[in-house]
Amino acid sequence: MSGPFRVLFVCTGNICRSAAAEHLLRAALHQPASGDATIVVTSAGTHAVVGYPTDPPTASALRRRQVDPAGHLARTLTAVEVAAADLVLGATRAHRAAAVSLYPRAVHYSYTVAEFARLAGSVVSRPGTGPECLEALLTEVRATRGIVRAADPLDDDIADPYGRSDDAHGAAVAAIATATEVIAGALSRATAHPGP
Protein backbone atom coordinates (compact mmCIF):
# COMPACT_ATOMS: atom_id res chain seq x y z
CA MET A 1 0.00 0.00 0.00
CA SER A 2 1.45 3.37 -1.00
CA GLY A 3 -0.01 6.80 -0.47
CA PRO A 4 -3.07 7.48 1.65
CA PHE A 5 -5.52 4.78 2.71
CA ARG A 6 -8.64 5.21 0.54
CA VAL A 7 -12.15 4.47 1.81
CA LEU A 8 -14.92 4.48 -0.80
CA PHE A 9 -18.60 4.44 0.20
CA VAL A 10 -21.17 3.25 -2.35
CA CYS A 11 -24.94 3.54 -2.61
CA THR A 12 -27.37 4.06 -5.47
CA GLY A 13 -27.75 7.80 -6.11
CA ASN A 14 -24.81 9.06 -4.01
CA ILE A 15 -27.05 11.71 -2.47
CA CYS A 16 -28.27 9.94 0.69
CA ARG A 17 -26.53 6.95 2.27
CA SER A 18 -23.03 7.07 0.76
CA ALA A 19 -22.95 10.85 0.92
CA ALA A 20 -23.92 10.71 4.60
CA ALA A 21 -21.34 8.00 5.29
CA GLU A 22 -18.58 10.05 3.66
CA HIS A 23 -19.39 13.12 5.78
CA LEU A 24 -19.91 11.13 8.98
CA LEU A 25 -16.63 9.20 8.70
CA ARG A 26 -14.70 12.39 7.96
CA ALA A 27 -16.31 14.01 10.99
CA ALA A 28 -15.55 11.00 13.19
CA LEU A 29 -11.93 11.11 12.01
CA HIS A 30 -11.87 14.89 12.61
CA GLN A 31 -10.87 15.51 8.99
CA PRO A 32 -11.52 18.55 6.83
CA ALA A 33 -13.29 17.98 3.51
CA SER A 34 -10.01 18.52 1.67
CA GLY A 35 -6.32 18.55 2.32
CA ASP A 36 -3.65 15.97 3.04
CA ALA A 37 -4.77 13.04 5.13
CA THR A 38 -3.58 9.56 6.00
CA ILE A 39 -7.12 8.36 5.25
CA VAL A 40 -9.00 9.73 2.23
CA VAL A 41 -12.78 9.28 2.27
CA THR A 42 -14.92 9.48 -0.88
CA SER A 43 -18.25 8.19 -2.15
CA ALA A 44 -20.02 7.32 -5.39
CA GLY A 45 -23.27 5.85 -6.67
CA THR A 46 -24.12 2.89 -8.87
CA HIS A 47 -26.81 5.04 -10.54
CA ALA A 48 -25.65 8.44 -9.33
CA VAL A 49 -27.69 11.59 -9.68
CA VAL A 50 -24.53 13.16 -11.07
CA GLY A 51 -23.73 16.66 -9.86
CA TYR A 52 -26.52 16.78 -7.28
CA PRO A 53 -25.87 17.77 -3.65
CA THR A 54 -26.84 15.70 -0.63
CA ASP A 55 -30.61 15.09 -0.58
CA PRO A 56 -32.18 17.82 1.61
CA PRO A 57 -33.74 15.49 4.25
CA THR A 58 -30.43 13.62 4.62
CA ALA A 59 -28.57 16.95 4.78
CA SER A 60 -30.92 18.07 7.56
CA ALA A 61 -30.34 14.84 9.48
CA LEU A 62 -26.58 15.38 9.17
CA ARG A 63 -26.83 18.98 10.37
CA ARG A 64 -28.74 17.80 13.45
CA ARG A 65 -25.58 15.84 14.23
CA GLN A 66 -23.41 18.95 13.68
CA VAL A 67 -22.05 17.51 10.41
CA ASP A 68 -21.92 19.92 7.47
CA PRO A 69 -22.93 18.25 4.16
CA ALA A 70 -21.90 21.25 2.05
CA GLY A 71 -19.80 20.70 -1.04
CA HIS A 72 -21.00 17.21 -1.89
CA LEU A 73 -21.72 16.49 -5.56
CA ALA A 74 -22.90 13.03 -6.59
CA ARG A 75 -20.56 10.93 -8.74
CA THR A 76 -20.90 7.67 -10.65
CA LEU A 77 -19.05 4.61 -9.39
CA THR A 78 -16.31 3.45 -11.79
CA ALA A 79 -14.01 0.46 -11.97
CA VAL A 80 -11.02 2.80 -11.70
CA GLU A 81 -12.33 4.17 -8.42
CA VAL A 82 -13.01 0.70 -6.99
CA ALA A 83 -9.54 -0.45 -8.04
CA ALA A 84 -7.91 2.58 -6.41
CA ALA A 85 -9.71 2.06 -3.09
CA ASP A 86 -8.26 0.17 -0.15
CA LEU A 87 -11.66 -0.34 1.45
CA VAL A 88 -15.05 -0.30 -0.32
CA LEU A 89 -18.14 0.00 1.87
CA GLY A 90 -21.59 -0.43 0.31
CA ALA A 91 -24.85 0.68 1.85
CA THR A 92 -26.23 -2.77 1.00
CA ARG A 93 -25.00 -6.16 -0.15
CA ALA A 94 -26.15 -5.24 -3.67
CA HIS A 95 -23.89 -2.17 -3.66
CA ARG A 96 -20.96 -4.28 -2.52
CA ALA A 97 -21.71 -6.75 -5.32
CA ALA A 98 -21.90 -3.91 -7.85
CA ALA A 99 -18.45 -2.68 -6.85
CA VAL A 100 -17.00 -6.19 -7.08
CA SER A 101 -18.60 -6.70 -10.51
CA LEU A 102 -16.72 -3.62 -11.74
CA TYR A 103 -13.40 -4.82 -10.32
CA PRO A 104 -13.47 -8.47 -9.16
CA ARG A 105 -10.31 -8.22 -7.01
CA ALA A 106 -12.29 -5.85 -4.77
CA VAL A 107 -14.01 -8.91 -3.31
CA HIS A 108 -11.11 -8.99 -0.85
CA TYR A 109 -11.69 -5.46 0.47
CA SER A 110 -15.40 -4.82 -0.04
CA TYR A 111 -18.02 -5.01 2.69
CA THR A 112 -21.26 -3.36 3.60
CA VAL A 113 -20.93 -0.47 6.03
CA ALA A 114 -22.73 -2.41 8.76
CA GLU A 115 -20.74 -5.60 8.11
CA PHE A 116 -17.37 -3.88 8.28
CA ALA A 117 -18.34 -2.06 11.48
CA ARG A 118 -19.36 -5.36 13.07
CA LEU A 119 -16.15 -7.10 12.00
CA ALA A 120 -13.84 -4.18 12.81
CA GLY A 121 -15.43 -3.90 16.23
CA SER A 122 -14.52 -7.51 16.93
CA VAL A 123 -10.77 -7.29 16.21
CA VAL A 124 -8.01 -5.84 18.34
CA SER A 125 -6.03 -3.28 16.34
CA ARG A 126 -2.36 -2.95 17.17
CA PRO A 127 -1.26 0.67 17.04
CA GLY A 128 1.40 1.62 14.56
CA THR A 129 2.70 4.49 12.51
CA GLY A 130 1.95 3.90 8.83
CA PRO A 131 -0.29 2.52 6.10
CA GLU A 132 0.95 -1.01 6.82
CA CYS A 133 -1.01 -0.87 10.09
CA LEU A 134 -4.22 -0.20 8.17
CA GLU A 135 -3.38 -3.09 5.88
CA ALA A 136 -2.91 -5.28 8.96
CA LEU A 137 -6.32 -4.18 10.23
CA LEU A 138 -7.91 -5.23 6.93
CA THR A 139 -6.18 -8.61 7.15
CA GLU A 140 -7.57 -9.14 10.66
CA VAL A 141 -11.06 -8.06 9.62
CA ARG A 142 -10.96 -10.34 6.57
CA ALA A 143 -10.03 -13.27 8.84
CA THR A 144 -13.19 -12.75 10.91
CA ARG A 145 -15.50 -12.74 7.87
CA GLY A 146 -17.78 -15.76 8.09
CA ILE A 147 -17.12 -16.07 11.83
CA VAL A 148 -18.72 -12.88 13.17
CA ARG A 149 -22.06 -12.97 11.35
CA ALA A 150 -25.18 -10.83 11.47
CA ALA A 151 -28.20 -12.42 13.11
CA ASP A 152 -30.04 -11.79 9.82
CA PRO A 153 -28.30 -11.01 6.49
CA LEU A 154 -30.72 -8.09 6.08
CA ASP A 155 -29.04 -6.50 9.09
CA ASP A 156 -26.11 -5.72 6.80
CA ASP A 157 -28.28 -3.52 4.56
CA ILE A 158 -29.13 0.11 5.32
CA ALA A 159 -32.56 0.93 3.87
CA ASP A 160 -32.76 3.58 1.16
CA PRO A 161 -34.50 6.67 2.57
CA TYR A 162 -34.78 8.46 -0.79
CA GLY A 163 -38.31 9.75 -1.40
CA ARG A 164 -39.41 8.68 2.07
CA SER A 165 -40.15 10.55 5.28
CA ASP A 166 -37.77 12.69 7.30
CA ASP A 167 -37.86 9.92 9.91
CA ALA A 168 -36.59 7.42 7.32
CA HIS A 169 -33.70 9.74 6.48
CA GLY A 170 -32.99 10.22 10.17
CA ALA A 171 -32.99 6.46 10.77
CA ALA A 172 -30.60 5.84 7.86
CA VAL A 173 -28.23 8.57 9.06
CA ALA A 174 -28.41 7.21 12.62
CA ALA A 175 -27.51 3.69 11.44
CA ILE A 176 -24.64 5.02 9.35
CA ALA A 177 -23.41 7.22 12.21
CA THR A 178 -23.31 4.25 14.57
CA ALA A 179 -21.31 2.23 12.04
CA THR A 180 -18.92 5.02 11.09
CA GLU A 181 -18.07 5.72 14.73
CA VAL A 182 -16.95 2.10 15.10
CA ILE A 183 -15.07 2.23 11.79
CA ALA A 184 -13.37 5.51 12.69
CA GLY A 185 -12.33 4.04 16.03
CA ALA A 186 -10.78 1.00 14.37
CA LEU A 187 -8.96 3.09 11.76
CA SER A 188 -7.75 5.58 14.35
CA ARG A 189 -6.45 2.86 16.69
CA ALA A 190 -4.63 1.22 13.77
CA THR A 191 -2.80 4.45 12.96
CA ALA A 192 -2.21 5.65 16.52
CA HIS A 193 1.39 5.87 17.67
CA PRO A 194 2.19 3.15 20.18
CA GLY A 195 2.86 4.29 23.69
CA PRO A 196 6.33 4.24 25.32
C-alpha atoms as a PDB file:
ATOM      1  CA  MET A   1       0.000   0.000   0.000  1.00  0.00           C
ATOM      2  CA  SER A   2       1.454   3.366  -1.005  1.00  0.00           C
ATOM      3  CA  GLY A   3      -0.013   6.802  -0.469  1.00  0.00           C
ATOM      4  CA  PRO A   4      -3.075   7.480   1.654  1.00  0.00           C
ATOM      5  CA  PHE A   5      -5.523   4.781   2.709  1.00  0.00           C
ATOM      6  CA  ARG A   6      -8.643   5.214   0.542  1.00  0.00           C
ATOM      7  CA  VAL A   7     -12.151   4.469   1.809  1.00  0.00           C
ATOM      8  CA  LEU A   8     -14.924   4.480  -0.804  1.00  0.00           C
ATOM      9  CA  PHE A   9     -18.598   4.441   0.196  1.00  0.00           C
ATOM     10  CA  VAL A  10     -21.171   3.249  -2.348  1.00  0.00           C
ATOM     11  CA  CYS A  11     -24.939   3.544  -2.607  1.00  0.00           C
ATOM     12  CA  THR A  12     -27.372   4.063  -5.473  1.00  0.00           C
ATOM     13  CA  GLY A  13     -27.749   7.797  -6.111  1.00  0.00           C
ATOM     14  CA  ASN A  14     -24.806   9.062  -4.005  1.00  0.00           C
ATOM     15  CA  ILE A  15     -27.054  11.707  -2.473  1.00  0.00           C
ATOM     16  CA  CYS A  16     -28.270   9.944   0.689  1.00  0.00           C
ATOM     17  CA  ARG A  17     -26.530   6.950   2.274  1.00  0.00           C
ATOM     18  CA  SER A  18     -23.032   7.065   0.763  1.00  0.00           C
ATOM     19  CA  ALA A  19     -22.950  10.852   0.924  1.00  0.00           C
ATOM     20  CA  ALA A  20     -23.918  10.710   4.599  1.00  0.00           C
ATOM     21  CA  ALA A  21     -21.340   8.004   5.290  1.00  0.00           C
ATOM     22  CA  GLU A  22     -18.582  10.055   3.657  1.00  0.00           C
ATOM     23  CA  HIS A  23     -19.388  13.119   5.775  1.00  0.00           C
ATOM     24  CA  LEU A  24     -19.908  11.132   8.976  1.00  0.00           C
ATOM     25  CA  LEU A  25     -16.634   9.202   8.696  1.00  0.00           C
ATOM     26  CA  ARG A  26     -14.699  12.391   7.956  1.00  0.00           C
ATOM     27  CA  ALA A  27     -16.307  14.009  10.989  1.00  0.00           C
ATOM     28  CA  ALA A  28     -15.552  10.996  13.187  1.00  0.00           C
ATOM     29  CA  LEU A  29     -11.930  11.106  12.007  1.00  0.00           C
ATOM     30  CA  HIS A  30     -11.872  14.891  12.606  1.00  0.00           C
ATOM     31  CA  GLN A  31     -10.870  15.511   8.988  1.00  0.00           C
ATOM     32  CA  PRO A  32     -11.524  18.552   6.833  1.00  0.00           C
ATOM     33  CA  ALA A  33     -13.291  17.982   3.511  1.00  0.00           C
ATOM     34  CA  SER A  34     -10.013  18.517   1.668  1.00  0.00           C
ATOM     35  CA  GLY A  35      -6.317  18.547   2.318  1.00  0.00           C
ATOM     36  CA  ASP A  36      -3.647  15.973   3.045  1.00  0.00           C
ATOM     37  CA  ALA A  37      -4.767  13.043   5.134  1.00  0.00           C
ATOM     38  CA  THR A  38      -3.584   9.556   6.004  1.00  0.00           C
ATOM     39  CA  ILE A  39      -7.118   8.360   5.254  1.00  0.00           C
ATOM     40  CA  VAL A  40      -8.996   9.728   2.227  1.00  0.00           C
ATOM     41  CA  VAL A  41     -12.776   9.281   2.269  1.00  0.00           C
ATOM     42  CA  THR A  42     -14.917   9.481  -0.884  1.00  0.00           C
ATOM     43  CA  SER A  43     -18.255   8.193  -2.152  1.00  0.00           C
ATOM     44  CA  ALA A  44     -20.018   7.317  -5.394  1.00  0.00           C
ATOM     45  CA  GLY A  45     -23.269   5.852  -6.669  1.00  0.00           C
ATOM     46  CA  THR A  46     -24.125   2.886  -8.874  1.00  0.00           C
ATOM     47  CA  HIS A  47     -26.812   5.042 -10.536  1.00  0.00           C
ATOM     48  CA  ALA A  48     -25.651   8.442  -9.329  1.00  0.00           C
ATOM     49  CA  VAL A  49     -27.688  11.594  -9.684  1.00  0.00           C
ATOM     50  CA  VAL A  50     -24.525  13.161 -11.071  1.00  0.00           C
ATOM     51  CA  GLY A  51     -23.726  16.663  -9.858  1.00  0.00           C
ATOM     52  CA  TYR A  52     -26.522  16.783  -7.276  1.00  0.00           C
ATOM     53  CA  PRO A  53     -25.870  17.766  -3.655  1.00  0.00           C
ATOM     54  CA  THR A  54     -26.843  15.701  -0.627  1.00  0.00           C
ATOM     55  CA  ASP A  55     -30.612  15.089  -0.584  1.00  0.00           C
ATOM     56  CA  PRO A  56     -32.184  17.822   1.614  1.00  0.00           C
ATOM     57  CA  PRO A  57     -33.735  15.486   4.251  1.00  0.00           C
ATOM     58  CA  THR A  58     -30.427  13.625   4.617  1.00  0.00           C
ATOM     59  CA  ALA A  59     -28.569  16.948   4.776  1.00  0.00           C
ATOM     60  CA  SER A  60     -30.916  18.073   7.564  1.00  0.00           C
ATOM     61  CA  ALA A  61     -30.337  14.836   9.476  1.00  0.00           C
ATOM     62  CA  LEU A  62     -26.578  15.380   9.174  1.00  0.00           C
ATOM     63  CA  ARG A  63     -26.830  18.984  10.374  1.00  0.00           C
ATOM     64  CA  ARG A  64     -28.737  17.801  13.447  1.00  0.00           C
ATOM     65  CA  ARG A  65     -25.577  15.841  14.233  1.00  0.00           C
ATOM     66  CA  GLN A  66     -23.413  18.954  13.681  1.00  0.00           C
ATOM     67  CA  VAL A  67     -22.050  17.512  10.410  1.00  0.00           C
ATOM     68  CA  ASP A  68     -21.923  19.917   7.470  1.00  0.00           C
ATOM     69  CA  PRO A  69     -22.929  18.252   4.163  1.00  0.00           C
ATOM     70  CA  ALA A  70     -21.896  21.255   2.045  1.00  0.00           C
ATOM     71  CA  GLY A  71     -19.802  20.699  -1.042  1.00  0.00           C
ATOM     72  CA  HIS A  72     -21.005  17.206  -1.885  1.00  0.00           C
ATOM     73  CA  LEU A  73     -21.721  16.491  -5.560  1.00  0.00           C
ATOM     74  CA  ALA A  74     -22.898  13.031  -6.593  1.00  0.00           C
ATOM     75  CA  ARG A  75     -20.556  10.934  -8.740  1.00  0.00           C
ATOM     76  CA  THR A  76     -20.904   7.669 -10.646  1.00  0.00           C
ATOM     77  CA  LEU A  77     -19.048   4.610  -9.392  1.00  0.00           C
ATOM     78  CA  THR A  78     -16.312   3.455 -11.789  1.00  0.00           C
ATOM     79  CA  ALA A  79     -14.008   0.460 -11.975  1.00  0.00           C
ATOM     80  CA  VAL A  80     -11.022   2.800 -11.700  1.00  0.00           C
ATOM     81  CA  GLU A  81     -12.331   4.174  -8.422  1.00  0.00           C
ATOM     82  CA  VAL A  82     -13.011   0.705  -6.994  1.00  0.00           C
ATOM     83  CA  ALA A  83      -9.541  -0.454  -8.043  1.00  0.00           C
ATOM     84  CA  ALA A  84      -7.914   2.579  -6.412  1.00  0.00           C
ATOM     85  CA  ALA A  85      -9.706   2.058  -3.091  1.00  0.00           C
ATOM     86  CA  ASP A  86      -8.255   0.170  -0.152  1.00  0.00           C
ATOM     87  CA  LEU A  87     -11.662  -0.344   1.450  1.00  0.00           C
ATOM     88  CA  VAL A  88     -15.053  -0.295  -0.319  1.00  0.00           C
ATOM     89  CA  LEU A  89     -18.142  -0.002   1.869  1.00  0.00           C
ATOM     90  CA  GLY A  90     -21.585  -0.433   0.311  1.00  0.00           C
ATOM     91  CA  ALA A  91     -24.849   0.685   1.854  1.00  0.00           C
ATOM     92  CA  THR A  92     -26.233  -2.773   1.001  1.00  0.00           C
ATOM     93  CA  ARG A  93     -25.000  -6.156  -0.147  1.00  0.00           C
ATOM     94  CA  ALA A  94     -26.154  -5.240  -3.666  1.00  0.00           C
ATOM     95  CA  HIS A  95     -23.895  -2.172  -3.661  1.00  0.00           C
ATOM     96  CA  ARG A  96     -20.962  -4.281  -2.521  1.00  0.00           C
ATOM     97  CA  ALA A  97     -21.712  -6.748  -5.316  1.00  0.00           C
ATOM     98  CA  ALA A  98     -21.904  -3.912  -7.855  1.00  0.00           C
ATOM     99  CA  ALA A  99     -18.450  -2.684  -6.847  1.00  0.00           C
ATOM    100  CA  VAL A 100     -17.004  -6.190  -7.085  1.00  0.00           C
ATOM    101  CA  SER A 101     -18.598  -6.700 -10.512  1.00  0.00           C
ATOM    102  CA  LEU A 102     -16.720  -3.623 -11.742  1.00  0.00           C
ATOM    103  CA  TYR A 103     -13.398  -4.816 -10.317  1.00  0.00           C
ATOM    104  CA  PRO A 104     -13.470  -8.469  -9.157  1.00  0.00           C
ATOM    105  CA  ARG A 105     -10.310  -8.217  -7.008  1.00  0.00           C
ATOM    106  CA  ALA A 106     -12.286  -5.850  -4.774  1.00  0.00           C
ATOM    107  CA  VAL A 107     -14.012  -8.912  -3.310  1.00  0.00           C
ATOM    108  CA  HIS A 108     -11.113  -8.986  -0.848  1.00  0.00           C
ATOM    109  CA  TYR A 109     -11.694  -5.461   0.472  1.00  0.00           C
ATOM    110  CA  SER A 110     -15.401  -4.821  -0.042  1.00  0.00           C
ATOM    111  CA  TYR A 111     -18.024  -5.013   2.686  1.00  0.00           C
ATOM    112  CA  THR A 112     -21.260  -3.357   3.600  1.00  0.00           C
ATOM    113  CA  VAL A 113     -20.933  -0.471   6.034  1.00  0.00           C
ATOM    114  CA  ALA A 114     -22.731  -2.413   8.760  1.00  0.00           C
ATOM    115  CA  GLU A 115     -20.741  -5.603   8.113  1.00  0.00           C
ATOM    116  CA  PHE A 116     -17.372  -3.876   8.277  1.00  0.00           C
ATOM    117  CA  ALA A 117     -18.342  -2.058  11.476  1.00  0.00           C
ATOM    118  CA  ARG A 118     -19.365  -5.359  13.065  1.00  0.00           C
ATOM    119  CA  LEU A 119     -16.151  -7.102  12.000  1.00  0.00           C
ATOM    120  CA  ALA A 120     -13.836  -4.179  12.806  1.00  0.00           C
ATOM    121  CA  GLY A 121     -15.429  -3.901  16.232  1.00  0.00           C
ATOM    122  CA  SER A 122     -14.517  -7.511  16.931  1.00  0.00           C
ATOM    123  CA  VAL A 123     -10.773  -7.285  16.213  1.00  0.00           C
ATOM    124  CA  VAL A 124      -8.012  -5.839  18.337  1.00  0.00           C
ATOM    125  CA  SER A 125      -6.028  -3.281  16.344  1.00  0.00           C
ATOM    126  CA  ARG A 126      -2.363  -2.954  17.170  1.00  0.00           C
ATOM    127  CA  PRO A 127      -1.263   0.673  17.044  1.00  0.00           C
ATOM    128  CA  GLY A 128       1.404   1.616  14.557  1.00  0.00           C
ATOM    129  CA  THR A 129       2.695   4.488  12.509  1.00  0.00           C
ATOM    130  CA  GLY A 130       1.953   3.895   8.834  1.00  0.00           C
ATOM    131  CA  PRO A 131      -0.292   2.520   6.100  1.00  0.00           C
ATOM    132  CA  GLU A 132       0.945  -1.011   6.818  1.00  0.00           C
ATOM    133  CA  CYS A 133      -1.007  -0.869  10.088  1.00  0.00           C
ATOM    134  CA  LEU A 134      -4.223  -0.202   8.171  1.00  0.00           C
ATOM    135  CA  GLU A 135      -3.385  -3.094   5.880  1.00  0.00           C
ATOM    136  CA  ALA A 136      -2.908  -5.284   8.960  1.00  0.00           C
ATOM    137  CA  LEU A 137      -6.322  -4.181  10.229  1.00  0.00           C
ATOM    138  CA  LEU A 138      -7.912  -5.233   6.932  1.00  0.00           C
ATOM    139  CA  THR A 139      -6.179  -8.613   7.152  1.00  0.00           C
ATOM    140  CA  GLU A 140      -7.568  -9.139  10.658  1.00  0.00           C
ATOM    141  CA  VAL A 141     -11.057  -8.064   9.616  1.00  0.00           C
ATOM    142  CA  ARG A 142     -10.959 -10.343   6.567  1.00  0.00           C
ATOM    143  CA  ALA A 143     -10.035 -13.271   8.836  1.00  0.00           C
ATOM    144  CA  THR A 144     -13.194 -12.752  10.911  1.00  0.00           C
ATOM    145  CA  ARG A 145     -15.503 -12.736   7.869  1.00  0.00           C
ATOM    146  CA  GLY A 146     -17.779 -15.756   8.095  1.00  0.00           C
ATOM    147  CA  ILE A 147     -17.115 -16.066  11.828  1.00  0.00           C
ATOM    148  CA  VAL A 148     -18.724 -12.880  13.167  1.00  0.00           C
ATOM    149  CA  ARG A 149     -22.064 -12.971  11.348  1.00  0.00           C
ATOM    150  CA  ALA A 150     -25.178 -10.829  11.474  1.00  0.00           C
ATOM    151  CA  ALA A 151     -28.203 -12.425  13.110  1.00  0.00           C
ATOM    152  CA  ASP A 152     -30.036 -11.789   9.820  1.00  0.00           C
ATOM    153  CA  PRO A 153     -28.302 -11.006   6.488  1.00  0.00           C
ATOM    154  CA  LEU A 154     -30.721  -8.085   6.075  1.00  0.00           C
ATOM    155  CA  ASP A 155     -29.042  -6.503   9.092  1.00  0.00           C
ATOM    156  CA  ASP A 156     -26.106  -5.724   6.800  1.00  0.00           C
ATOM    157  CA  ASP A 157     -28.278  -3.520   4.560  1.00  0.00           C
ATOM    158  CA  ILE A 158     -29.133   0.107   5.319  1.00  0.00           C
ATOM    159  CA  ALA A 159     -32.562   0.932   3.869  1.00  0.00           C
ATOM    160  CA  ASP A 160     -32.764   3.580   1.164  1.00  0.00           C
ATOM    161  CA  PRO A 161     -34.496   6.671   2.573  1.00  0.00           C
ATOM    162  CA  TYR A 162     -34.782   8.456  -0.792  1.00  0.00           C
ATOM    163  CA  GLY A 163     -38.315   9.754  -1.397  1.00  0.00           C
ATOM    164  CA  ARG A 164     -39.407   8.677   2.065  1.00  0.00           C
ATOM    165  CA  SER A 165     -40.152  10.548   5.280  1.00  0.00           C
ATOM    166  CA  ASP A 166     -37.765  12.688   7.299  1.00  0.00           C
ATOM    167  CA  ASP A 167     -37.857   9.916   9.911  1.00  0.00           C
ATOM    168  CA  ALA A 168     -36.588   7.416   7.322  1.00  0.00           C
ATOM    169  CA  HIS A 169     -33.703   9.740   6.478  1.00  0.00           C
ATOM    170  CA  GLY A 170     -32.993  10.221  10.174  1.00  0.00           C
ATOM    171  CA  ALA A 171     -32.991   6.462  10.766  1.00  0.00           C
ATOM    172  CA  ALA A 172     -30.602   5.842   7.858  1.00  0.00           C
ATOM    173  CA  VAL A 173     -28.226   8.569   9.056  1.00  0.00           C
ATOM    174  CA  ALA A 174     -28.407   7.208  12.620  1.00  0.00           C
ATOM    175  CA  ALA A 175     -27.513   3.687  11.439  1.00  0.00           C
ATOM    176  CA  ILE A 176     -24.643   5.017   9.352  1.00  0.00           C
ATOM    177  CA  ALA A 177     -23.412   7.223  12.206  1.00  0.00           C
ATOM    178  CA  THR A 178     -23.310   4.247  14.565  1.00  0.00           C
ATOM    179  CA  ALA A 179     -21.305   2.233  12.040  1.00  0.00           C
ATOM    180  CA  THR A 180     -18.916   5.019  11.090  1.00  0.00           C
ATOM    181  CA  GLU A 181     -18.073   5.716  14.732  1.00  0.00           C
ATOM    182  CA  VAL A 182     -16.946   2.103  15.102  1.00  0.00           C
ATOM    183  CA  ILE A 183     -15.068   2.225  11.793  1.00  0.00           C
ATOM    184  CA  ALA A 184     -13.373   5.506  12.685  1.00  0.00           C
ATOM    185  CA  GLY A 185     -12.329   4.044  16.034  1.00  0.00           C
ATOM    186  CA  ALA A 186     -10.778   1.003  14.371  1.00  0.00           C
ATOM    187  CA  LEU A 187      -8.957   3.087  11.755  1.00  0.00           C
ATOM    188  CA  SER A 188      -7.752   5.580  14.353  1.00  0.00           C
ATOM    189  CA  ARG A 189      -6.452   2.856  16.686  1.00  0.00           C
ATOM    190  CA  ALA A 190      -4.626   1.221  13.774  1.00  0.00           C
ATOM    191  CA  THR A 191      -2.797   4.452  12.963  1.00  0.00           C
ATOM    192  CA  ALA A 192      -2.209   5.651  16.523  1.00  0.00           C
ATOM    193  CA  HIS A 193       1.386   5.875  17.667  1.00  0.00           C
ATOM    194  CA  PRO A 194       2.193   3.149  20.178  1.00  0.00           C
ATOM    195  CA  GLY A 195       2.864   4.289  23.693  1.00  0.00           C
ATOM    196  CA  PRO A 196       6.326   4.242  25.318  1.00  0.00           C
END
